[in-house]
C-alpha atoms as a PDB file:
ATOM      1  CA  UNK A   1       9.601  15.691  18.950  1.00  0.00           C
ATOM      2  CA  UNK A   2       9.913  11.931  18.629  1.00  0.00           C
ATOM      3  CA  UNK A   3       9.581   9.903  21.822  1.00  0.00           C
ATOM      4  CA  UNK A   4      12.752   8.385  23.185  1.00  0.00           C
ATOM      5  CA  UNK A   5      13.247   4.677  23.696  1.00  0.00           C
ATOM      6  CA  UNK A   6      13.896   3.524  27.226  1.00  0.00           C
ATOM      7  CA  UNK A   7      16.432   0.770  27.764  1.00  0.00           C
ATOM      8  CA  UNK A   8      14.554  -2.233  29.095  1.00  0.00           C
ATOM      9  CA  UNK A   9      15.661  -4.250  32.063  1.00  0.00           C
ATOM     10  CA  UNK A  10      16.310  -7.185  29.755  1.00  0.00           C
ATOM     11  CA  UNK A  11      19.107  -5.321  27.990  1.00  0.00           C
ATOM     12  CA  UNK A  12      22.679  -6.289  28.643  1.00  0.00           C
ATOM     13  CA  UNK A  13      25.258  -3.866  29.931  1.00  0.00           C
ATOM     14  CA  UNK A  14      26.481  -2.884  26.472  1.00  0.00           C
ATOM     15  CA  UNK A  15      22.944  -1.966  25.335  1.00  0.00           C
ATOM     16  CA  UNK A  16      22.357  -5.184  23.394  1.00  0.00           C
ATOM     17  CA  UNK A  17      19.237  -7.223  23.914  1.00  0.00           C
ATOM     18  CA  UNK A  18      19.364 -10.355  26.006  1.00  0.00           C
ATOM     19  CA  UNK A  19      18.845 -13.660  24.143  1.00  0.00           C
ATOM     20  CA  UNK A  20      15.226 -13.866  25.362  1.00  0.00           C
ATOM     21  CA  UNK A  21      14.391 -10.311  24.228  1.00  0.00           C
ATOM     22  CA  UNK A  22      16.225 -10.849  20.949  1.00  0.00           C
ATOM     23  CA  UNK A  23      14.040 -13.872  20.237  1.00  0.00           C
ATOM     24  CA  UNK A  24      10.962 -11.718  20.730  1.00  0.00           C
ATOM     25  CA  UNK A  25      12.199  -9.299  18.066  1.00  0.00           C
ATOM     26  CA  UNK A  26      12.805 -11.841  15.302  1.00  0.00           C
ATOM     27  CA  UNK A  27      10.796 -11.571  12.090  1.00  0.00           C
ATOM     28  CA  UNK A  28       9.038 -14.842  12.873  1.00  0.00           C
ATOM     29  CA  UNK A  29       7.965 -13.683  16.318  1.00  0.00           C
ATOM     30  CA  UNK A  30       6.639 -10.395  14.957  1.00  0.00           C
ATOM     31  CA  UNK A  31       4.765 -12.179  12.164  1.00  0.00           C
ATOM     32  CA  UNK A  32       3.220 -14.643  14.618  1.00  0.00           C
ATOM     33  CA  UNK A  33       2.058 -11.820  16.882  1.00  0.00           C
ATOM     34  CA  UNK A  34       0.580  -9.937  13.926  1.00  0.00           C
ATOM     35  CA  UNK A  35      -1.301 -12.951  12.536  1.00  0.00           C
ATOM     36  CA  UNK A  36      -2.566 -13.920  15.979  1.00  0.00           C
ATOM     37  CA  UNK A  37      -4.157 -10.483  16.412  1.00  0.00           C
ATOM     38  CA  UNK A  38      -6.125 -10.976  13.182  1.00  0.00           C
ATOM     39  CA  UNK A  39      -8.545 -13.129  15.188  1.00  0.00           C
ATOM     40  CA  UNK A  40      -8.943 -10.671  18.078  1.00  0.00           C
ATOM     41  CA  UNK A  41     -10.967  -7.753  16.757  1.00  0.00           C
ATOM     42  CA  UNK A  42     -11.324  -6.179  20.187  1.00  0.00           C
ATOM     43  CA  UNK A  43      -7.563  -5.729  20.356  1.00  0.00           C
ATOM     44  CA  UNK A  44      -7.438  -3.793  17.090  1.00  0.00           C
ATOM     45  CA  UNK A  45      -7.378  -0.006  17.014  1.00  0.00           C
ATOM     46  CA  UNK A  46      -9.799   0.689  14.151  1.00  0.00           C
ATOM     47  CA  UNK A  47     -10.106   4.351  15.072  1.00  0.00           C
ATOM     48  CA  UNK A  48      -6.371   4.860  14.574  1.00  0.00           C
ATOM     49  CA  UNK A  49      -6.478   2.867  11.315  1.00  0.00           C
ATOM     50  CA  UNK A  50      -9.228   5.181  10.032  1.00  0.00           C
ATOM     51  CA  UNK A  51      -7.063   8.153  11.020  1.00  0.00           C
ATOM     52  CA  UNK A  52      -4.237   6.719   8.922  1.00  0.00           C
ATOM     53  CA  UNK A  53      -6.538   6.216   5.927  1.00  0.00           C
ATOM     54  CA  UNK A  54      -7.678   9.834   6.145  1.00  0.00           C
ATOM     55  CA  UNK A  55      -4.165  11.222   6.365  1.00  0.00           C
ATOM     56  CA  UNK A  56      -2.891   9.057   3.516  1.00  0.00           C
ATOM     57  CA  UNK A  57      -4.881  11.479   1.339  1.00  0.00           C
ATOM     58  CA  UNK A  58      -4.334  14.752   3.181  1.00  0.00           C
ATOM     59  CA  UNK A  59      -0.891  14.401   4.806  1.00  0.00           C
ATOM     60  CA  UNK A  60       0.826  11.020   4.284  1.00  0.00           C
ATOM     61  CA  UNK A  61       3.965  12.316   5.995  1.00  0.00           C
ATOM     62  CA  UNK A  62       2.094  12.226   9.304  1.00  0.00           C
ATOM     63  CA  UNK A  63       1.330   8.545   8.791  1.00  0.00           C
ATOM     64  CA  UNK A  64       5.005   7.698   8.359  1.00  0.00           C
ATOM     65  CA  UNK A  65       5.891   9.868  11.334  1.00  0.00           C
ATOM     66  CA  UNK A  66       3.888   7.389  13.370  1.00  0.00           C
ATOM     67  CA  UNK A  67       6.103   4.587  12.032  1.00  0.00           C
ATOM     68  CA  UNK A  68       9.029   6.417  13.637  1.00  0.00           C
ATOM     69  CA  UNK A  69       7.204   6.380  16.951  1.00  0.00           C
ATOM     70  CA  UNK A  70       6.546   2.649  16.638  1.00  0.00           C
ATOM     71  CA  UNK A  71      10.221   1.973  15.960  1.00  0.00           C
ATOM     72  CA  UNK A  72      11.256   3.872  19.064  1.00  0.00           C
ATOM     73  CA  UNK A  73       8.592   2.417  21.347  1.00  0.00           C
ATOM     74  CA  UNK A  74       8.209  -1.137  19.999  1.00  0.00           C
ATOM     75  CA  UNK A  75      11.497  -1.615  18.119  1.00  0.00           C
ATOM     76  CA  UNK A  76       9.895  -2.350  14.747  1.00  0.00           C
ATOM     77  CA  UNK A  77       8.974  -0.300  11.714  1.00  0.00           C
ATOM     78  CA  UNK A  78       6.153  -2.506  10.462  1.00  0.00           C
ATOM     79  CA  UNK A  79       2.627  -2.376  11.873  1.00  0.00           C
ATOM     80  CA  UNK A  80       1.885  -4.687  14.755  1.00  0.00           C
ATOM     81  CA  UNK A  81      -1.874  -4.037  14.540  1.00  0.00           C
ATOM     82  CA  UNK A  82      -3.751  -5.613  11.587  1.00  0.00           C
ATOM     83  CA  UNK A  83      -6.655  -3.127  11.868  1.00  0.00           C
ATOM     84  CA  UNK A  84      -5.507  -1.242   8.745  1.00  0.00           C
ATOM     85  CA  UNK A  85      -5.384  -4.469   6.735  1.00  0.00           C
ATOM     86  CA  UNK A  86      -8.868  -5.461   7.923  1.00  0.00           C
ATOM     87  CA  UNK A  87     -10.372  -2.080   6.988  1.00  0.00           C
ATOM     88  CA  UNK A  88      -8.581  -2.127   3.639  1.00  0.00           C
ATOM     89  CA  UNK A  89     -10.047  -5.579   2.941  1.00  0.00           C
ATOM     90  CA  UNK A  90     -13.528  -4.267   3.711  1.00  0.00           C
ATOM     91  CA  UNK A  91     -12.998  -1.292   1.413  1.00  0.00           C
ATOM     92  CA  UNK A  92     -11.735  -3.640  -1.274  1.00  0.00           C
ATOM     93  CA  UNK A  93     -14.788  -5.899  -1.032  1.00  0.00           C
ATOM     94  CA  UNK A  94     -17.310  -3.049  -1.015  1.00  0.00           C
ATOM     95  CA  UNK A  95     -15.689  -1.171  -3.907  1.00  0.00           C
ATOM     96  CA  UNK A  96     -15.347  -4.350  -5.981  1.00  0.00           C
ATOM     97  CA  UNK A  97     -19.032  -5.166  -5.482  1.00  0.00           C
ATOM     98  CA  UNK A  98     -19.784  -1.632  -6.648  1.00  0.00           C
ATOM     99  CA  UNK A  99     -17.521  -2.178  -9.659  1.00  0.00           C
ATOM    100  CA  UNK A 100     -19.417  -5.373 -10.508  1.00  0.00           C
ATOM    101  CA  UNK A 101     -22.729  -3.535 -10.212  1.00  0.00           C
ATOM    102  CA  UNK A 102     -21.601  -0.719 -12.510  1.00  0.00           C
ATOM    103  CA  UNK A 103     -20.361  -3.249 -15.079  1.00  0.00           C
ATOM    104  CA  UNK A 104     -23.695  -5.082 -14.848  1.00  0.00           C
ATOM    105  CA  UNK A 105     -22.150  -8.362 -13.663  1.00  0.00           C
ATOM    106  CA  UNK A 106     -24.139 -11.204 -12.174  1.00  0.00           C
ATOM    107  CA  UNK A 107     -23.717 -12.533  -8.648  1.00  0.00           C
ATOM    108  CA  UNK A 108     -21.186 -15.257  -9.467  1.00  0.00           C
ATOM    109  CA  UNK A 109     -19.284 -12.989 -11.858  1.00  0.00           C
ATOM    110  CA  UNK A 110     -18.983 -10.398  -9.085  1.00  0.00           C
ATOM    111  CA  UNK A 111     -17.684 -13.068  -6.684  1.00  0.00           C
ATOM    112  CA  UNK A 112     -15.080 -14.100  -9.261  1.00  0.00           C
ATOM    113  CA  UNK A 113     -14.105 -10.460  -9.717  1.00  0.00           C
ATOM    114  CA  UNK A 114     -13.832 -10.019  -5.955  1.00  0.00           C
ATOM    115  CA  UNK A 115     -11.548 -13.044  -5.617  1.00  0.00           C
ATOM    116  CA  UNK A 116      -9.404 -11.804  -8.494  1.00  0.00           C
ATOM    117  CA  UNK A 117      -9.061  -8.284  -7.095  1.00  0.00           C
ATOM    118  CA  UNK A 118      -8.314  -9.455  -3.540  1.00  0.00           C
ATOM    119  CA  UNK A 119      -5.905 -12.308  -4.224  1.00  0.00           C
ATOM    120  CA  UNK A 120      -4.264 -11.108  -7.451  1.00  0.00           C
ATOM    121  CA  UNK A 121      -4.473  -7.310  -7.658  1.00  0.00           C
ATOM    122  CA  UNK A 122      -3.950  -6.607  -3.956  1.00  0.00           C
ATOM    123  CA  UNK A 123      -2.284  -9.572  -2.244  1.00  0.00           C
ATOM    124  CA  UNK A 124      -0.424 -11.189  -5.156  1.00  0.00           C
ATOM    125  CA  UNK A 125       0.890  -7.989  -6.718  1.00  0.00           C
ATOM    126  CA  UNK A 126       1.507  -6.596  -3.224  1.00  0.00           C
ATOM    127  CA  UNK A 127       3.672  -9.552  -2.219  1.00  0.00           C
ATOM    128  CA  UNK A 128       5.639  -9.226  -5.449  1.00  0.00           C
ATOM    129  CA  UNK A 129       6.173  -5.464  -5.140  1.00  0.00           C
ATOM    130  CA  UNK A 130       6.957  -5.638  -1.415  1.00  0.00           C
ATOM    131  CA  UNK A 131       9.538  -8.398  -1.962  1.00  0.00           C
ATOM    132  CA  UNK A 132      11.106  -6.534  -4.877  1.00  0.00           C
ATOM    133  CA  UNK A 133      11.318  -3.253  -2.949  1.00  0.00           C
ATOM    134  CA  UNK A 134      12.583  -5.056   0.153  1.00  0.00           C
ATOM    135  CA  UNK A 135      15.393  -6.590  -1.896  1.00  0.00           C
ATOM    136  CA  UNK A 136      16.291  -3.399  -3.778  1.00  0.00           C
ATOM    137  CA  UNK A 137      16.263  -1.184  -0.682  1.00  0.00           C
ATOM    138  CA  UNK A 138      18.398  -3.569   1.370  1.00  0.00           C
ATOM    139  CA  UNK A 139      20.755  -4.272  -1.514  1.00  0.00           C
ATOM    140  CA  UNK A 140      21.289  -0.790  -2.940  1.00  0.00           C
ATOM    141  CA  UNK A 141      19.780   1.909  -0.710  1.00  0.00           C
ATOM    142  CA  UNK A 142      21.076   1.099   2.786  1.00  0.00           C
ATOM    143  CA  UNK A 143      23.801   3.575   3.813  1.00  0.00           C
ATOM    144  CA  UNK A 144      25.737   1.041   5.879  1.00  0.00           C
ATOM    145  CA  UNK A 145      25.659  -2.667   5.080  1.00  0.00           C
ATOM    146  CA  UNK A 146      25.044  -3.668   8.665  1.00  0.00           C
ATOM    147  CA  UNK A 147      22.571  -6.135  10.148  1.00  0.00           C
ATOM    148  CA  UNK A 148      21.385  -3.398  12.503  1.00  0.00           C
ATOM    149  CA  UNK A 149      20.189  -1.379   9.494  1.00  0.00           C
ATOM    150  CA  UNK A 150      17.812  -3.192   7.225  1.00  0.00           C
ATOM    151  CA  UNK A 151      14.325  -2.729   5.818  1.00  0.00           C
ATOM    152  CA  UNK A 152      11.832  -5.138   7.340  1.00  0.00           C
ATOM    153  CA  UNK A 153       9.803  -7.082   4.795  1.00  0.00           C
ATOM    154  CA  UNK A 154       6.688  -6.325   6.829  1.00  0.00           C
ATOM    155  CA  UNK A 155       7.418  -2.612   6.510  1.00  0.00           C
ATOM    156  CA  UNK A 156       7.809  -2.950   2.732  1.00  0.00           C
ATOM    157  CA  UNK A 157       4.391  -4.617   2.607  1.00  0.00           C
ATOM    158  CA  UNK A 158       2.932  -1.861   4.805  1.00  0.00           C
ATOM    159  CA  UNK A 159       4.277   0.747   2.385  1.00  0.00           C
ATOM    160  CA  UNK A 160       2.517  -1.077  -0.442  1.00  0.00           C
ATOM    161  CA  UNK A 161      -0.767  -1.151   1.502  1.00  0.00           C
ATOM    162  CA  UNK A 162      -0.439   2.557   2.310  1.00  0.00           C
ATOM    163  CA  UNK A 163       0.136   3.398  -1.350  1.00  0.00           C
ATOM    164  CA  UNK A 164      -2.524   0.968  -2.583  1.00  0.00           C
ATOM    165  CA  UNK A 165      -5.326   2.487  -0.487  1.00  0.00           C
ATOM    166  CA  UNK A 166      -5.520   5.892  -2.290  1.00  0.00           C
ATOM    167  CA  UNK A 167      -5.229   4.080  -5.624  1.00  0.00           C
ATOM    168  CA  UNK A 168      -8.103   1.814  -4.611  1.00  0.00           C
ATOM    169  CA  UNK A 169     -10.354   4.701  -3.603  1.00  0.00           C
ATOM    170  CA  UNK A 170      -9.674   6.651  -6.805  1.00  0.00           C
ATOM    171  CA  UNK A 171      -9.995   3.775  -9.294  1.00  0.00           C
ATOM    172  CA  UNK A 172     -12.558   1.564  -7.529  1.00  0.00           C
ATOM    173  CA  UNK A 173     -14.761   4.205  -5.915  1.00  0.00           C
ATOM    174  CA  UNK A 174     -14.489   7.727  -7.346  1.00  0.00           C
ATOM    175  CA  UNK A 175     -14.173   6.413 -10.886  1.00  0.00           C
ATOM    176  CA  UNK A 176     -17.395   4.391 -10.563  1.00  0.00           C
ATOM    177  CA  UNK A 177     -19.477   7.576 -10.770  1.00  0.00           C
ATOM    178  CA  UNK A 178     -18.035   8.420 -14.211  1.00  0.00           C
ATOM    179  CA  UNK A 179     -17.637   5.051 -15.947  1.00  0.00           C
ATOM    180  CA  UNK A 180     -21.035   4.561 -17.598  1.00  0.00           C
ATOM    181  CA  UNK A 181     -21.816   8.208 -18.269  1.00  0.00           C
ATOM    182  CA  UNK A 182     -18.451   9.651 -19.228  1.00  0.00           C
ATOM    183  CA  UNK A 183     -15.423   7.349 -19.341  1.00  0.00           C
ATOM    184  CA  UNK A 184     -16.750   4.434 -21.418  1.00  0.00           C
ATOM    185  CA  UNK A 185     -17.722   6.749 -24.276  1.00  0.00           C
ATOM    186  CA  UNK A 186     -15.388   6.926 -27.262  1.00  0.00           C
ATOM    187  CA  UNK A 187     -15.076  10.706 -27.015  1.00  0.00           C
ATOM    188  CA  UNK A 188     -11.935  12.591 -26.031  1.00  0.00           C
ATOM    189  CA  UNK A 189     -13.487  13.721 -22.765  1.00  0.00           C
ATOM    190  CA  UNK A 190     -14.130  10.057 -21.908  1.00  0.00           C
ATOM    191  CA  UNK A 191     -10.553   8.815 -22.060  1.00  0.00           C
ATOM    192  CA  UNK A 192      -9.262  12.165 -20.803  1.00  0.00           C
ATOM    193  CA  UNK A 193     -11.240  11.852 -17.547  1.00  0.00           C
ATOM    194  CA  UNK A 194     -10.472   8.140 -17.182  1.00  0.00           C
ATOM    195  CA  UNK A 195      -6.764   8.390 -17.935  1.00  0.00           C
ATOM    196  CA  UNK A 196      -6.416  11.444 -15.698  1.00  0.00           C
ATOM    197  CA  UNK A 197      -7.847   9.458 -12.792  1.00  0.00           C
ATOM    198  CA  UNK A 198      -5.305   6.732 -13.545  1.00  0.00           C
ATOM    199  CA  UNK A 199      -2.545   9.360 -13.606  1.00  0.00           C
ATOM    200  CA  UNK A 200      -3.597  10.678 -10.190  1.00  0.00           C
ATOM    201  CA  UNK A 201      -4.018   7.191  -8.694  1.00  0.00           C
ATOM    202  CA  UNK A 202      -0.672   5.796  -9.853  1.00  0.00           C
ATOM    203  CA  UNK A 203       1.002   9.122  -9.041  1.00  0.00           C
ATOM    204  CA  UNK A 204      -0.326   8.798  -5.491  1.00  0.00           C
ATOM    205  CA  UNK A 205       1.048   5.258  -5.332  1.00  0.00           C
ATOM    206  CA  UNK A 206       4.518   6.366  -6.413  1.00  0.00           C
ATOM    207  CA  UNK A 207       4.568   9.363  -4.061  1.00  0.00           C
ATOM    208  CA  UNK A 208       3.351   7.472  -0.971  1.00  0.00           C
ATOM    209  CA  UNK A 209       5.856   4.699  -1.721  1.00  0.00           C
ATOM    210  CA  UNK A 210       8.644   7.280  -1.942  1.00  0.00           C
ATOM    211  CA  UNK A 211       7.586   8.792   1.388  1.00  0.00           C
ATOM    212  CA  UNK A 212       7.640   5.357   2.982  1.00  0.00           C
ATOM    213  CA  UNK A 213      11.246   4.622   2.101  1.00  0.00           C
ATOM    214  CA  UNK A 214      12.518   8.181   2.507  1.00  0.00           C
ATOM    215  CA  UNK A 215      11.175   8.050   6.099  1.00  0.00           C
ATOM    216  CA  UNK A 216      13.811   5.438   6.957  1.00  0.00           C
ATOM    217  CA  UNK A 217      16.893   7.346   8.195  1.00  0.00           C
ATOM    218  CA  UNK A 218      19.345   4.619   7.156  1.00  0.00           C
ATOM    219  CA  UNK A 219      18.420   4.691   3.439  1.00  0.00           C
ATOM    220  CA  UNK A 220      20.088   6.839   0.794  1.00  0.00           C
ATOM    221  CA  UNK A 221      19.173   8.047  -2.705  1.00  0.00           C
ATOM    222  CA  UNK A 222      15.467   7.376  -2.158  1.00  0.00           C
ATOM    223  CA  UNK A 223      14.685  10.143  -4.672  1.00  0.00           C
ATOM    224  CA  UNK A 224      15.187   7.567  -7.431  1.00  0.00           C
ATOM    225  CA  UNK A 225      11.812   6.133  -6.405  1.00  0.00           C
ATOM    226  CA  UNK A 226      10.249   9.257  -7.938  1.00  0.00           C
ATOM    227  CA  UNK A 227      11.787   8.600 -11.365  1.00  0.00           C
ATOM    228  CA  UNK A 228       8.791   6.530 -12.566  1.00  0.00           C
ATOM    229  CA  UNK A 229       6.845   9.817 -12.559  1.00  0.00           C
ATOM    230  CA  UNK A 230       8.557  10.776 -15.820  1.00  0.00           C
ATOM    231  CA  UNK A 231       7.524   7.496 -17.476  1.00  0.00           C
ATOM    232  CA  UNK A 232       4.003   7.839 -16.067  1.00  0.00           C
ATOM    233  CA  UNK A 233       3.498  11.339 -17.501  1.00  0.00           C
ATOM    234  CA  UNK A 234       4.965  10.284 -20.844  1.00  0.00           C
ATOM    235  CA  UNK A 235       2.610   7.303 -21.024  1.00  0.00           C
ATOM    236  CA  UNK A 236      -0.308   9.545 -20.060  1.00  0.00           C
ATOM    237  CA  UNK A 237       0.419  12.006 -22.882  1.00  0.00           C
ATOM    238  CA  UNK A 238       0.865   9.180 -25.390  1.00  0.00           C
ATOM    239  CA  UNK A 239      -2.464   7.654 -24.318  1.00  0.00           C
ATOM    240  CA  UNK A 240      -4.265  10.944 -24.930  1.00  0.00           C
ATOM    241  CA  UNK A 241      -2.604  11.348 -28.324  1.00  0.00           C
ATOM    242  CA  UNK A 242      -3.467   7.783 -29.367  1.00  0.00           C
ATOM    243  CA  UNK A 243      -6.931   7.644 -27.808  1.00  0.00           C
ATOM    244  CA  UNK A 244      -6.178   4.797 -25.407  1.00  0.00           C
ATOM    245  CA  UNK A 245      -8.797   4.427 -22.714  1.00  0.00           C
ATOM    246  CA  UNK A 246      -7.201   2.644 -19.756  1.00  0.00           C
ATOM    247  CA  UNK A 247     -10.467   2.294 -17.845  1.00  0.00           C
ATOM    248  CA  UNK A 248     -12.242   0.783 -20.839  1.00  0.00           C
ATOM    249  CA  UNK A 249      -9.367  -1.672 -21.260  1.00  0.00           C
ATOM    250  CA  UNK A 250      -9.566  -2.576 -17.552  1.00  0.00           C
ATOM    251  CA  UNK A 251     -13.318  -3.147 -17.717  1.00  0.00           C
ATOM    252  CA  UNK A 252     -12.907  -5.385 -20.775  1.00  0.00           C
ATOM    253  CA  UNK A 253     -10.157  -7.314 -18.991  1.00  0.00           C
ATOM    254  CA  UNK A 254     -12.278  -7.809 -15.871  1.00  0.00           C
ATOM    255  CA  UNK A 255     -15.232  -9.015 -17.926  1.00  0.00           C
ATOM    256  CA  UNK A 256     -12.947 -11.470 -19.751  1.00  0.00           C
ATOM    257  CA  UNK A 257     -11.491 -12.793 -16.481  1.00  0.00           C
ATOM    258  CA  UNK A 258     -14.871 -13.551 -14.888  1.00  0.00           C
ATOM    259  CA  UNK A 259     -16.355 -15.445 -17.852  1.00  0.00           C
END
C-alpha cells in the first residue's frame, strides 16, 4: 500500500499550497536543492542507490514504485538525491577505462574516450532524449491538459538514467569479456553474440523507459513506447542476414574519435 500524503500546516483551507510552499516546489527550487546535494556526499543515500541499480535488472517495477512514494511524501516524481547519478558516473568511468584497455588504447586516448562517453553518449544524448520524451509525454500522453498533471523534466531525465544503466552494464562491462575472443572475429558466431547483446541492451532501455512513463497515473497510451521493439527486432534480423557487426562498428568509431 502506498503511503498517504499528509496536508502540511502551510496549506491553505482549500488544500492548495501557500505562496511560500509553492515557491519551494518550483522546478528551479528542486533543481537547486538537487545540485547543492552533489557536493555533500554524506547526505547521499548510496545504499539505496545500489538497491535501485540491482532492481533495475531484476525487478524495475519496484524502482518506479519508489517514485510513487516520493511523489506522495515529497511532492515530486524526480529524484532529490544525486547518489544514483554519482554511482552511475563511477560505473561509466570504470567501464570506459576497461573498454579502452580491451581496445588497446593509450592513456590519452582512453581519457578522450572517457570524455566522449560521459559528455556525449550519456549526458548529451540523455539531455536530448529526456527533453524529447518530456515534450512528447506532456503534449500527447497526458490524460487531462492541466497544470496539475505534467511530467517533470527531471523525472524524464531520471527515466533515461534508469534505462541507461542496464545498457551500460551490458555493452560496457559484460561485452568486454567477449570482444577480443569472440565478437571481433568475422565469423557468424562473432556478430551473433555481439548483436544479441545489443538487442538485449537496447531492449532493456526501451522496456525500462516504458515502465517509467506507464508508472505515471495521469498518462495514457504509454504502450506506444513499446513499438520500437518491432523495429529493433527487424534491424537485428537484418544485421544477422547481412553480417553487420554492431560492436565492431562501435569499436572502429571509438578508435576514430580518439585519434
